[in-house]
Amino acid sequence: MEQDLDRGLADFLKAQRGETSFYEFARRTGVARSVLQRIEYRQQGATLKHVAQIAHRLNYPVEVVLALSSAKSTTPNCGDQSS
């Protein structure tokens, strides 16, 4: 289950980041670039603090990010991208 959540969160972050650089995405989310890279490349699991920070900065409820991360299907890009 934990590996599924890590994979789901990595997929969610990839979908949200799109073609944006890790540097710019880190600036947008408030999470260090190196941490985002390690999470996306599944070299590190995310802490609840990181998930909450990312969710807040991307205008998602934490529950939605966790639900999308635990879903087996591809995660949609449905957050507010205007920030």
C-alpha atoms as a PDB file:
ATOM      1  CA  MET A   1       0.000   0.000   0.000  1.00  0.00           C
ATOM      2  CA  GLU A   2       2.800   2.427   0.904  1.00  0.00           C
ATOM      3  CA  GLN A   3       4.539   1.749  -2.414  1.00  0.00           C
ATOM      4  CA  ASP A   4       1.257   2.355  -4.243  1.00  0.00           C
ATOM      5  CA  LEU A   5       0.884   5.683  -2.449  1.00  0.00           C
ATOM      6  CA  ASP A   6       4.497   6.642  -3.285  1.00  0.00           C
ATOM      7  CA  ARG A   7       3.935   5.720  -6.940  1.00  0.00           C
ATOM      8  CA  GLY A   8       0.612   7.556  -7.002  1.00  0.00           C
ATOM      9  CA  LEU A   9       2.099  10.692  -5.475  1.00  0.00           C
ATOM     10  CA  ALA A  10       5.025  10.561  -7.902  1.00  0.00           C
ATOM     11  CA  ASP A  11       2.555  10.308 -10.802  1.00  0.00           C
ATOM     12  CA  PHE A  12       0.469  13.130  -9.351  1.00  0.00           C
ATOM     13  CA  LEU A  13       3.523  15.383  -9.043  1.00  0.00           C
ATOM     14  CA  LYS A  14       4.641  14.567 -12.589  1.00  0.00           C
ATOM     15  CA  ALA A  15       1.190  15.415 -13.923  1.00  0.00           C
ATOM     16  CA  GLN A  16       1.072  18.659 -11.983  1.00  0.00           C
ATOM     17  CA  ARG A  17       4.613  19.699 -12.883  1.00  0.00           C
ATOM     18  CA  GLY A  18       4.187  18.908 -16.574  1.00  0.00           C
ATOM     19  CA  GLU A  19       6.962  20.650 -18.516  1.00  0.00           C
ATOM     20  CA  THR A  20       7.726  23.030 -15.639  1.00  0.00           C
ATOM     21  CA  SER A  21      11.275  22.777 -14.295  1.00  0.00           C
ATOM     22  CA  PHE A  22      11.832  21.302 -10.852  1.00  0.00           C
ATOM     23  CA  TYR A  23      13.234  24.692  -9.807  1.00  0.00           C
ATOM     24  CA  GLU A  24      10.025  26.527 -10.775  1.00  0.00           C
ATOM     25  CA  PHE A  25       7.779  23.791  -9.367  1.00  0.00           C
ATOM     26  CA  ALA A  26       9.692  23.952  -6.074  1.00  0.00           C
ATOM     27  CA  ARG A  27       9.137  27.683  -5.979  1.00  0.00           C
ATOM     28  CA  ARG A  28       5.435  27.159  -6.637  1.00  0.00           C
ATOM     29  CA  THR A  29       4.968  24.420  -4.038  1.00  0.00           C
ATOM     30  CA  GLY A  30       7.328  25.696  -1.355  1.00  0.00           C
ATOM     31  CA  VAL A  31       9.034  22.278  -1.170  1.00  0.00           C
ATOM     32  CA  ALA A  32      12.753  22.003  -1.900  1.00  0.00           C
ATOM     33  CA  ARG A  33      13.669  21.034  -5.462  1.00  0.00           C
ATOM     34  CA  SER A  34      15.762  18.108  -4.274  1.00  0.00           C
ATOM     35  CA  VAL A  35      12.877  16.760  -2.185  1.00  0.00           C
ATOM     36  CA  LEU A  36      10.441  17.041  -5.105  1.00  0.00           C
ATOM     37  CA  GLN A  37      12.897  15.232  -7.372  1.00  0.00           C
ATOM     38  CA  ARG A  38      13.420  12.412  -4.872  1.00  0.00           C
ATOM     39  CA  ILE A  39       9.656  12.016  -4.372  1.00  0.00           C
ATOM     40  CA  GLU A  40       8.928  12.075  -8.114  1.00  0.00           C
ATOM     41  CA  TYR A  41      11.737   9.589  -8.839  1.00  0.00           C
ATOM     42  CA  ARG A  42      10.484   7.448  -5.896  1.00  0.00           C
ATOM     43  CA  GLN A  43      13.788   7.661  -4.075  1.00  0.00           C
ATOM     44  CA  GLN A  44      12.068   9.096  -0.998  1.00  0.00           C
ATOM     45  CA  GLY A  45       8.591   8.919   0.425  1.00  0.00           C
ATOM     46  CA  ALA A  46       6.773  12.169   1.102  1.00  0.00           C
ATOM     47  CA  THR A  47       5.967  13.235   4.622  1.00  0.00           C
ATOM     48  CA  LEU A  48       2.460  14.355   5.493  1.00  0.00           C
ATOM     49  CA  LYS A  49       3.929  17.845   5.906  1.00  0.00           C
ATOM     50  CA  HIS A  50       5.164  17.778   2.292  1.00  0.00           C
ATOM     51  CA  VAL A  51       1.819  16.475   1.007  1.00  0.00           C
ATOM     52  CA  ALA A  52      -0.047  19.178   2.933  1.00  0.00           C
ATOM     53  CA  GLN A  53       2.276  21.912   1.656  1.00  0.00           C
ATOM     54  CA  ILE A  54       2.004  20.739  -1.957  1.00  0.00           C
ATOM     55  CA  ALA A  55      -1.778  20.405  -1.719  1.00  0.00           C
ATOM     56  CA  HIS A  56      -2.165  23.867  -0.224  1.00  0.00           C
ATOM     57  CA  ARG A  57       0.082  25.562  -2.770  1.00  0.00           C
ATOM     58  CA  LEU A  58      -1.612  23.789  -5.716  1.00  0.00           C
ATOM     59  CA  ASN A  59      -5.072  24.624  -4.329  1.00  0.00           C
ATOM     60  CA  TYR A  60      -6.125  21.039  -3.615  1.00  0.00           C
ATOM     61  CA  PRO A  61      -7.585  19.712  -0.384  1.00  0.00           C
ATOM     62  CA  VAL A  62      -5.109  17.271   1.199  1.00  0.00           C
ATOM     63  CA  GLU A  63      -7.773  14.574   1.014  1.00  0.00           C
ATOM     64  CA  VAL A  64      -7.973  14.972  -2.763  1.00  0.00           C
ATOM     65  CA  VAL A  65      -4.196  14.702  -3.192  1.00  0.00           C
ATOM     66  CA  LEU A  66      -4.136  11.559  -1.048  1.00  0.00           C
ATOM     67  CA  ALA A  67      -7.120  10.094  -2.916  1.00  0.00           C
ATOM     68  CA  LEU A  68      -5.579  10.853  -6.310  1.00  0.00           C
ATOM     69  CA  SER A  69      -2.253   9.461  -5.117  1.00  0.00           C
ATOM     70  CA  SER A  70      -3.837   6.211  -3.986  1.00  0.00           C
ATOM     71  CA  ALA A  71      -5.918   5.782  -7.168  1.00  0.00           C
ATOM     72  CA  LYS A  72      -4.683   3.182  -9.644  1.00  0.00           C
ATOM     73  CA  SER A  73      -5.541   5.290 -12.700  1.00  0.00           C
ATOM     74  CA  THR A  74      -3.712   8.278 -14.162  1.00  0.00           C
ATOM     75  CA  THR A  75      -4.204  11.378 -12.051  1.00  0.00           C
ATOM     76  CA  PRO A  76      -6.034  14.285 -13.669  1.00  0.00           C
ATOM     77  CA  ASN A  77      -4.599  17.760 -13.854  1.00  0.00           C
ATOM     78  CA  CYS A  78      -7.530  19.521 -12.200  1.00  0.00           C
ATOM     79  CA  GLY A  79      -5.953  21.964  -9.726  1.00  0.00           C
ATOM     80  CA  ASP A  80      -5.936  25.723 -10.074  1.00  0.00           C
ATOM     81  CA  GLN A  81      -2.782  26.466 -12.067  1.00  0.00           C
ATOM     82  CA  SER A  82      -3.086  30.247 -11.719  1.00  0.00           C
ATOM     83  CA  SER A  83      -0.795  30.683  -8.679  1.00  0.00           C
END
